[in-house]
Protein backbone atom coordinates (compact mmCIF):
# COMPACT_ATOMS: atom_id res chain seq x y z
CA UNK A 1 1.65 -41.64 5.70
CA UNK A 2 3.15 -39.98 8.99
CA UNK A 3 4.08 -36.60 8.17
CA UNK A 4 8.03 -35.54 8.73
CA UNK A 5 7.57 -33.22 11.48
CA UNK A 6 5.75 -35.16 13.61
CA UNK A 7 8.00 -38.22 13.04
CA UNK A 8 11.44 -36.58 13.82
CA UNK A 9 10.96 -33.26 15.58
CA UNK A 10 10.29 -34.83 19.05
CA UNK A 11 13.86 -36.15 19.26
CA UNK A 12 15.61 -33.34 18.14
CA UNK A 13 16.41 -29.75 19.65
CA UNK A 14 17.89 -26.64 18.88
CA UNK A 15 19.25 -25.94 15.46
CA UNK A 16 18.44 -29.52 14.33
CA UNK A 17 14.69 -29.12 15.41
CA UNK A 18 14.58 -25.93 13.18
CA UNK A 19 15.96 -27.72 10.38
CA UNK A 20 13.29 -30.56 10.54
CA UNK A 21 10.40 -27.68 10.79
CA UNK A 22 12.00 -24.92 8.09
CA UNK A 23 10.56 -25.31 4.74
CA UNK A 24 7.46 -23.81 3.95
CA UNK A 25 8.40 -20.23 4.78
CA UNK A 26 11.62 -20.43 2.47
CA UNK A 27 9.89 -22.18 -0.30
CA UNK A 28 7.17 -19.50 -0.42
CA UNK A 29 9.52 -16.75 -0.17
CA UNK A 30 11.81 -18.06 -3.02
CA UNK A 31 8.64 -18.72 -4.65
CA UNK A 32 7.69 -14.89 -4.18
CA UNK A 33 10.65 -13.71 -5.76
CA UNK A 34 9.00 -15.24 -9.27
CA UNK A 35 9.79 -14.54 -12.93
CA UNK A 36 7.06 -11.50 -12.57
CA UNK A 37 8.73 -9.98 -9.58
CA UNK A 38 12.23 -10.19 -11.23
CA UNK A 39 10.92 -8.34 -14.18
CA UNK A 40 9.03 -5.93 -12.20
CA UNK A 41 12.26 -5.29 -10.05
CA UNK A 42 14.10 -5.09 -13.28
CA UNK A 43 11.73 -2.61 -14.83
CA UNK A 44 11.86 -0.69 -11.64
CA UNK A 45 15.57 0.01 -11.36
CA UNK A 46 15.58 0.57 -15.34
CA UNK A 47 13.23 3.62 -15.17
CA UNK A 48 13.66 4.92 -11.58
CA UNK A 49 17.30 4.02 -10.59
CA UNK A 50 17.38 3.25 -7.05
CA UNK A 51 14.27 5.07 -5.92
CA UNK A 52 12.17 2.20 -5.50
CA UNK A 53 15.04 0.36 -3.56
CA UNK A 54 13.76 1.50 -0.05
CA UNK A 55 10.37 0.17 -0.81
CA UNK A 56 12.10 -3.49 -1.29
CA UNK A 57 13.29 -2.96 2.36
CA UNK A 58 10.04 -1.66 3.90
CA UNK A 59 8.12 -4.81 2.47
CA UNK A 60 10.26 -7.17 4.17
CA UNK A 61 8.61 -6.87 7.92
CA UNK A 62 5.32 -6.29 6.14
CA UNK A 63 5.68 -9.58 4.43
CA UNK A 64 6.40 -11.26 7.46
CA UNK A 65 3.30 -10.17 9.21
CA UNK A 66 1.10 -11.35 6.61
CA UNK A 67 2.40 -14.85 6.38
CA UNK A 68 2.97 -15.11 9.91
CA UNK A 69 -0.78 -14.88 10.17
CA UNK A 70 -0.84 -17.83 7.77
CA UNK A 71 1.43 -20.13 9.73
CA UNK A 72 -0.66 -19.56 12.76
CA UNK A 73 -3.94 -20.28 11.01
CA UNK A 74 -2.58 -23.47 9.67
CA UNK A 75 -0.62 -24.85 12.68
CA UNK A 76 -3.58 -23.75 14.94
CA UNK A 77 -6.76 -24.88 12.79
CA UNK A 78 -5.39 -27.80 10.62
CA UNK A 79 -7.61 -26.27 7.82
CA UNK A 80 -6.57 -24.88 4.60
CA UNK A 81 -7.24 -21.08 3.91
CA UNK A 82 -10.41 -21.70 1.56
CA UNK A 83 -11.88 -24.47 4.15
CA UNK A 84 -11.72 -21.94 7.03
CA UNK A 85 -13.41 -19.31 4.83
CA UNK A 86 -16.13 -21.89 3.84
CA UNK A 87 -16.49 -22.65 7.67
CA UNK A 88 -16.67 -19.13 9.14
CA UNK A 89 -18.18 -17.15 6.12
CA UNK A 90 -20.05 -19.71 4.12
CA UNK A 91 -20.03 -21.04 0.42
CA UNK A 92 -20.16 -17.85 -1.46
CA UNK A 93 -17.39 -15.90 0.11
CA UNK A 94 -15.43 -19.25 0.08
CA UNK A 95 -15.82 -19.32 -3.67
CA UNK A 96 -15.53 -15.61 -3.90
CA UNK A 97 -11.88 -16.24 -2.59
CA UNK A 98 -11.29 -19.03 -4.49
CA UNK A 99 -12.01 -17.31 -7.94
CA UNK A 100 -9.70 -14.41 -6.67
CA UNK A 101 -7.06 -16.77 -6.00
CA UNK A 102 -7.49 -18.55 -9.47
CA UNK A 103 -7.12 -15.35 -11.33
CA UNK A 104 -3.88 -14.58 -9.79
CA UNK A 105 -2.72 -17.99 -10.20
CA UNK A 106 -3.36 -17.75 -14.08
CA UNK A 107 -1.52 -14.54 -14.41
CA UNK A 108 1.38 -15.75 -12.20
CA UNK A 109 1.54 -19.16 -14.05
CA UNK A 110 1.58 -17.62 -17.49
CA UNK A 111 4.51 -15.27 -16.25
CA UNK A 112 6.61 -17.98 -15.07
CA UNK A 113 6.49 -20.16 -18.02
CA UNK A 114 6.80 -17.21 -20.11
CA UNK A 115 9.81 -16.38 -18.19
CA UNK A 116 11.27 -20.14 -18.60
CA UNK A 117 10.46 -20.01 -22.43
CA UNK A 118 12.33 -16.71 -22.73
CA UNK A 119 15.62 -18.04 -20.96
CA UNK A 120 15.31 -20.94 -23.49
CA UNK A 121 15.25 -18.93 -26.51
CA UNK A 122 18.16 -16.91 -24.94
CA UNK A 123 19.96 -20.29 -24.75
CA UNK A 124 18.74 -21.07 -28.46
CA UNK A 125 16.12 -23.61 -27.33
CA UNK A 126 12.64 -23.30 -28.76
CA UNK A 127 9.81 -22.58 -26.47
CA UNK A 128 8.02 -25.67 -27.23
CA UNK A 129 11.05 -27.57 -26.22
CA UNK A 130 11.45 -25.65 -22.90
CA UNK A 131 7.90 -26.41 -21.88
CA UNK A 132 7.80 -30.16 -22.73
CA UNK A 133 11.09 -30.32 -20.59
CA UNK A 134 9.68 -28.05 -17.88
CA UNK A 135 5.97 -29.64 -17.75
CA UNK A 136 7.39 -33.40 -17.72
CA UNK A 137 9.83 -32.79 -14.83
CA UNK A 138 7.16 -31.09 -12.67
CA UNK A 139 4.88 -33.74 -13.41
CA UNK A 140 7.05 -36.46 -12.72
CA UNK A 141 8.13 -34.76 -9.37
CA UNK A 142 4.90 -34.45 -8.17
CA UNK A 143 3.30 -37.76 -9.29
CA UNK A 144 6.49 -39.64 -8.03
CA UNK A 145 7.01 -37.73 -4.90
CA UNK A 146 5.99 -36.62 -1.28
CA UNK A 147 5.47 -33.25 -0.14
CA UNK A 148 9.02 -33.36 1.67
CA UNK A 149 10.54 -34.26 -1.58
CA UNK A 150 8.75 -31.58 -3.54
CA UNK A 151 9.70 -29.26 -0.80
CA UNK A 152 13.50 -30.04 -1.21
CA UNK A 153 13.35 -29.84 -4.96
CA UNK A 154 11.85 -26.30 -4.81
CA UNK A 155 14.41 -25.28 -2.32
CA UNK A 156 17.63 -26.48 -4.30
CA UNK A 157 16.01 -24.97 -7.45
CA UNK A 158 15.06 -21.73 -6.01
CA UNK A 159 18.43 -21.35 -4.53
CA UNK A 160 19.72 -20.57 -7.74
CA UNK A 161 18.01 -16.87 -7.26
CA UNK A 162 21.20 -16.08 -5.16
CA UNK A 163 23.07 -15.38 -8.13
CA UNK A 164 21.11 -11.97 -8.32
CA UNK A 165 22.96 -11.03 -5.21
CA UNK A 166 26.51 -11.78 -7.16
CA UNK A 167 24.98 -9.95 -10.09
CA UNK A 168 24.33 -6.75 -7.99
CA UNK A 169 27.71 -6.74 -6.49
CA UNK A 170 29.28 -6.92 -10.01
CA UNK A 171 27.57 -4.15 -11.29
CA UNK A 172 29.58 -2.07 -9.03
CA UNK A 173 26.70 0.34 -8.07
CA UNK A 174 27.82 4.14 -6.86
CA UNK A 175 26.85 4.15 -3.10
CA UNK A 176 26.41 7.98 -3.11
CA UNK A 177 24.12 7.71 -5.98
CA UNK A 178 22.47 4.91 -4.41
CA UNK A 179 21.71 6.97 -0.96
CA UNK A 180 20.71 10.09 -2.96
CA UNK A 181 18.21 8.48 -5.07
CA UNK A 182 16.85 5.77 -2.50
CA UNK A 183 15.15 9.01 -0.46
CA UNK A 184 14.29 10.63 -3.51
CA UNK A 185 10.57 9.75 -3.98
CA UNK A 186 8.46 11.17 -6.72
CA UNK A 187 4.93 10.45 -5.19
CA UNK A 188 3.06 12.58 -7.85
CA UNK A 189 4.22 10.63 -10.60
CA UNK A 190 1.66 8.09 -12.03
CA UNK A 191 4.27 5.74 -13.43
CA UNK A 192 6.33 5.74 -10.41
CA UNK A 193 3.04 4.87 -8.54
CA UNK A 194 2.23 2.52 -10.99
CA UNK A 195 5.58 0.57 -10.19
CA UNK A 196 5.04 0.91 -6.55
CA UNK A 197 1.79 -0.76 -6.83
CA UNK A 198 3.42 -3.62 -8.85
CA UNK A 199 6.17 -3.99 -6.60
CA UNK A 200 3.62 -4.24 -3.38
CA UNK A 201 1.79 -6.80 -5.64
CA UNK A 202 5.00 -8.62 -6.48
CA UNK A 203 5.88 -9.20 -2.88
CA UNK A 204 2.29 -10.01 -1.27
CA UNK A 205 0.38 -12.33 -3.57
CA UNK A 206 -2.90 -14.17 -2.93
CA UNK A 207 -1.34 -17.71 -3.56
CA UNK A 208 1.29 -17.28 -0.95
CA UNK A 209 -1.43 -17.12 1.82
CA UNK A 210 -3.24 -20.16 0.37
CA UNK A 211 0.10 -22.21 -0.46
CA UNK A 212 1.77 -21.66 3.10
CA UNK A 213 -1.06 -22.24 5.40
CA UNK A 214 -1.58 -25.77 3.44
CA UNK A 215 2.09 -26.63 3.60
CA UNK A 216 2.53 -26.28 7.28
CA UNK A 217 -0.63 -28.70 7.43
CA UNK A 218 0.97 -31.36 5.07
CA UNK A 219 4.13 -31.10 6.70
CA UNK A 220 2.67 -31.86 9.72
CA UNK A 221 3.59 -28.79 11.96
CA UNK A 222 1.90 -28.35 15.52
CA UNK A 223 1.65 -25.42 18.02
CA UNK A 224 5.08 -26.76 19.36
CA UNK A 225 6.75 -25.90 16.05
CA UNK A 226 5.24 -22.32 16.01
CA UNK A 227 8.50 -20.54 17.06
CA UNK A 228 10.70 -22.44 14.18
CA UNK A 229 8.14 -21.91 11.80
CA UNK A 230 7.97 -18.39 12.44
CA UNK A 231 11.90 -18.19 12.07
CA UNK A 232 11.31 -20.17 8.71
CA UNK A 233 9.13 -17.43 7.58
CA UNK A 234 11.28 -14.17 8.74
CA UNK A 235 14.47 -15.59 7.08
CA UNK A 236 12.24 -16.18 3.98
CA UNK A 237 10.84 -12.72 4.15
CA UNK A 238 14.43 -11.26 4.41
CA UNK A 239 16.06 -13.27 1.71
CA UNK A 240 13.11 -12.59 -0.83
CA UNK A 241 13.43 -9.01 -0.62
CA UNK A 242 17.22 -8.87 -0.68
CA UNK A 243 16.97 -10.86 -3.98
CA UNK A 244 14.53 -8.04 -5.12
CA UNK A 245 16.75 -5.18 -4.14
CA UNK A 246 19.68 -6.80 -5.96
CA UNK A 247 17.98 -6.89 -9.16
CA UNK A 248 16.78 -3.23 -8.62
CA UNK A 249 20.26 -2.66 -8.00
CA UNK A 250 21.83 -4.27 -10.86
CA UNK A 251 19.63 -2.67 -13.17
CA UNK A 252 19.68 0.77 -11.93
CA UNK A 253 23.56 0.52 -11.90
CA UNK A 254 23.33 0.03 -15.51
CA UNK A 255 20.20 0.85 -17.46
CA UNK A 256 19.06 3.25 -14.94
CA UNK A 257 21.67 5.50 -15.30
CA UNK A 258 20.75 8.94 -16.88
CA UNK A 259 20.09 8.64 -20.55
CA UNK A 260 20.09 4.65 -20.44
CA UNK A 261 16.69 4.08 -19.01
CA UNK A 262 14.77 1.68 -21.30
CA UNK A 263 11.88 -0.93 -21.92
CA UNK A 264 12.60 -4.47 -20.37
CA UNK A 265 9.82 -6.33 -21.77
CA UNK A 266 11.78 -9.50 -22.89
CA UNK A 267 14.08 -11.88 -20.99
CA UNK A 268 16.69 -11.06 -23.27
CA UNK A 269 16.68 -7.53 -22.73
CA UNK A 270 16.79 -7.68 -18.84
CA UNK A 271 19.85 -9.99 -19.18
CA UNK A 272 21.28 -7.81 -21.51
CA UNK A 273 20.79 -4.96 -18.60
CA UNK A 274 21.81 -6.74 -15.55
CA UNK A 275 24.95 -8.66 -16.78
CA UNK A 276 27.32 -6.68 -18.90
CA UNK A 277 29.94 -6.82 -16.18
CA UNK A 278 30.11 -10.64 -16.51
CA UNK A 279 30.62 -11.08 -19.95
CA UNK A 280 28.06 -12.44 -22.37
CA UNK A 281 28.41 -16.14 -21.75
CA UNK A 282 28.76 -15.93 -18.01
CA UNK A 283 26.13 -13.20 -17.76
CA UNK A 284 23.51 -15.30 -19.71
CA UNK A 285 24.14 -18.37 -17.71
CA UNK A 286 23.97 -16.43 -14.38
CA UNK A 287 20.67 -14.70 -15.37
CA UNK A 288 19.46 -17.84 -16.72
CA UNK A 289 20.11 -19.81 -13.63
CA UNK A 290 18.38 -16.97 -11.41
CA UNK A 291 15.36 -16.51 -13.62
CA UNK A 292 14.75 -20.32 -13.99
CA UNK A 293 15.23 -21.05 -10.31
CA UNK A 294 12.81 -18.17 -9.66
CA UNK A 295 10.36 -19.34 -12.51
CA UNK A 296 10.21 -23.17 -11.66
CA UNK A 297 9.81 -22.93 -7.83
CA UNK A 298 6.74 -20.24 -8.27
CA UNK A 299 5.55 -22.56 -10.83
CA UNK A 300 5.34 -25.38 -8.31
CA UNK A 301 3.93 -23.28 -5.80
CA UNK A 302 1.27 -21.68 -7.99
CA UNK A 303 -0.12 -25.03 -9.73
CA UNK A 304 0.01 -26.92 -6.30
CA UNK A 305 -1.94 -23.78 -4.61
CA UNK A 306 -4.51 -23.93 -7.41
CA UNK A 307 -5.09 -27.52 -7.46
CA UNK A 308 -5.34 -28.03 -3.52
CA UNK A 309 -7.43 -24.87 -3.08
CA UNK A 310 -9.87 -26.18 -5.83
CA UNK A 311 -9.96 -29.78 -4.34
CA UNK A 312 -10.15 -28.24 -0.79
CA UNK A 313 -13.42 -26.10 -1.46
CA UNK A 314 -15.14 -28.95 -3.46
CA UNK A 315 -14.42 -31.40 -0.87
CA UNK A 316 -12.00 -33.50 -2.64
CA UNK A 317 -8.77 -35.13 -1.11
CA UNK A 318 -5.71 -32.86 -1.83
CA UNK A 319 -2.41 -33.89 -0.83
CA UNK A 320 0.91 -34.92 -2.53
CA UNK A 321 1.06 -37.67 0.42
CA UNK A 322 -1.69 -39.22 -1.40
CA UNK A 323 -1.31 -41.42 -4.74
CA UNK A 324 -2.99 -40.06 -8.04
CA UNK A 325 -5.41 -42.73 -7.91
CA UNK A 326 -6.25 -41.66 -4.17
CA UNK A 327 -6.46 -37.71 -5.23
CA UNK A 328 -7.43 -37.76 -8.79
CA UNK A 329 -9.17 -34.42 -8.98
CA UNK A 330 -5.90 -32.62 -7.16
CA UNK A 331 -3.73 -34.22 -9.53
CA UNK A 332 -5.97 -33.56 -12.44
CA UNK A 333 -6.11 -29.99 -11.84
CA UNK A 334 -2.35 -29.88 -11.27
CA UNK A 335 -1.73 -31.42 -14.67
CA UNK A 336 -4.26 -29.67 -16.39
CA UNK A 337 -2.89 -26.15 -15.19
CA UNK A 338 0.54 -26.91 -16.30
CA UNK A 339 -0.16 -28.28 -19.86
CA UNK A 340 -2.72 -25.51 -20.71
CA UNK A 341 -0.26 -22.89 -19.50
CA UNK A 342 2.52 -24.72 -21.42
CA UNK A 343 0.15 -24.57 -24.56
CA UNK A 344 -0.72 -21.07 -24.35
CA UNK A 345 3.04 -19.92 -23.74
CA UNK A 346 4.17 -22.30 -26.84
CA UNK A 347 1.82 -20.69 -29.22
CA UNK A 348 4.02 -17.72 -29.53
CA UNK A 349 2.22 -15.14 -27.54
CA UNK A 350 4.59 -12.67 -25.80
CA UNK A 351 3.48 -12.89 -22.23
CA UNK A 352 6.38 -11.41 -20.55
CA UNK A 353 5.32 -7.88 -21.18
CA UNK A 354 2.09 -8.31 -19.19
CA UNK A 355 4.28 -9.60 -15.74
CA UNK A 356 4.03 -6.04 -14.50
CA UNK A 357 0.26 -5.74 -15.06
CA UNK A 358 -0.11 -9.05 -12.98
CA UNK A 359 1.55 -7.87 -10.18
CA UNK A 360 -0.62 -4.24 -10.06
CA UNK A 361 -3.75 -6.86 -10.29
CA UNK A 362 -2.12 -8.68 -7.24
CA UNK A 363 -2.01 -5.40 -5.34
CA UNK A 364 -5.63 -4.66 -6.27
CA UNK A 365 -6.88 -7.92 -4.86
CA UNK A 366 -5.08 -7.26 -1.49
CA UNK A 367 -8.52 -6.12 0.04
CA UNK A 368 -10.02 -9.58 -0.43
CA UNK A 369 -7.02 -11.53 0.49
CA UNK A 370 -5.65 -9.61 3.75
CA UNK A 371 -9.28 -8.84 4.98
CA UNK A 372 -10.14 -12.47 5.24
CA UNK A 373 -6.52 -13.37 6.47
CA UNK A 374 -7.15 -11.10 9.44
CA UNK A 375 -10.69 -11.84 10.05
CA UNK A 376 -9.70 -15.40 10.49
CA UNK A 377 -6.81 -14.88 12.62
CA UNK A 378 -9.12 -13.00 15.05
CA UNK A 379 -11.09 -16.01 15.21
CA UNK A 380 -8.52 -18.38 16.45
CA UNK A 381 -8.79 -19.84 19.90
CA UNK A 382 -6.59 -18.74 22.66
CA UNK A 383 -4.03 -18.43 23.21
CA UNK A 384 -3.34 -17.92 19.37
CA UNK A 385 -5.93 -15.54 18.48
CA UNK A 386 -4.64 -12.40 17.08
CA UNK A 387 -5.60 -9.84 19.77
CA UNK A 388 -4.33 -7.04 22.00
CA UNK A 389 -1.13 -5.08 20.95
CA UNK A 390 -0.40 -7.36 18.05
CA UNK A 391 -4.05 -7.29 16.69
CA UNK A 392 -3.27 -3.39 16.55
CA UNK A 393 0.17 -3.86 14.89
CA UNK A 394 -1.11 -6.41 12.58
CA UNK A 395 -4.40 -4.63 11.61
CA UNK A 396 -2.66 -1.31 10.96
CA UNK A 397 0.12 -2.97 8.66
CA UNK A 398 -2.46 -4.74 6.75
CA UNK A 399 -4.96 -1.71 6.17
CA UNK A 400 -2.04 0.59 5.40
CA UNK A 401 -0.64 -1.97 2.99
CA UNK A 402 -3.93 -2.43 1.39
CA UNK A 403 -4.85 1.37 1.10
CA UNK A 404 -1.53 2.13 -0.45
CA UNK A 405 -1.50 -0.75 -2.53
CA UNK A 406 -4.99 0.09 -4.18
CA UNK A 407 -4.26 3.76 -4.16
CA UNK A 408 -0.84 3.71 -6.08
CA UNK A 409 -2.34 1.05 -8.38
CA UNK A 410 -5.28 3.08 -9.50
CA UNK A 411 -3.31 6.34 -9.34
CA UNK A 412 -0.77 4.63 -11.65
CA UNK A 413 -3.55 3.41 -14.18
CA UNK A 414 -5.81 6.45 -14.22
CA UNK A 415 -3.52 9.32 -13.08
């Protein structure tokens, strides 16, 4: 099957050409604002008011720098991330990176499914019923669709995250208080640093690197599509951080006020915290749509990433463009991940509370993920190789992010 971008973009120009190429960046960024990220942002606002708001804005350009390298690697090499590590660094490091990815994917998948189960319980639907519906729908989507259909479904579902922008507006934040607290940074507080690390890990996740690189390949993007793919990634980077900022603002404007901070370990508690100005019914509906959109698009991305990467490093076929009988390993891993994750969540284990810890783990894994990413980008052929001034810029951004993410995580854990 020929890829959509190859098939259509030569006949298009301008905005129409961009629309034909766009998608991988938007999808991965909507997945970035997943259930765990929403919970982390909500905890940030509830515990520290607006003091973690500036971090959300600073992370937007950092996120773009990281994901632009994945776009560059995928489009120029035509190979997935694990395959490139295998080619350049050998089998040991390839499996090392894949194991790192799988650890992150397991934590993310349990967080997403727990978030969806929590939304269901908030609406009076048992967890096992929610899991059956979600797993059934996602299996049907993958087994009967193509990459483009999955991409469109992910964008449509993920768009529900935009309700958080409305929720933040409805919370009527005090702008003076926002400005004062945004620059009041308690760097020496271990609890604050723990959430700093969690926010970094919530924004830059291992599975995002692997997913976007595979997606630009599966969509058939070529070097002539690079500019549009970069714009796609930049727009997604801004969008995901605006949503994160909106959740911080909403909780800071309510629970984050002096004397009102509290624990937000369940979906119901978060909904109660950020929707008081919308009324009970409308608030639950708005939050439920936003959280469900975030969790479903992330579940799609995480499971596809795990299935693609494991099949890739083992030499099996791995594409949504193939029928299940043509890529049994890929579809088998995708199915097993969803079913096992759903069974764990349906068992009654409360996994929502681990979401912040999962994000801290992502931050601690950054040296591995971003280290390989930068080294691979330095090995691309001319003129796409990262070199000169951009090598210094991207290398510095990655180094500072890695050091700060690990330092804040370790300080928060053991400080």
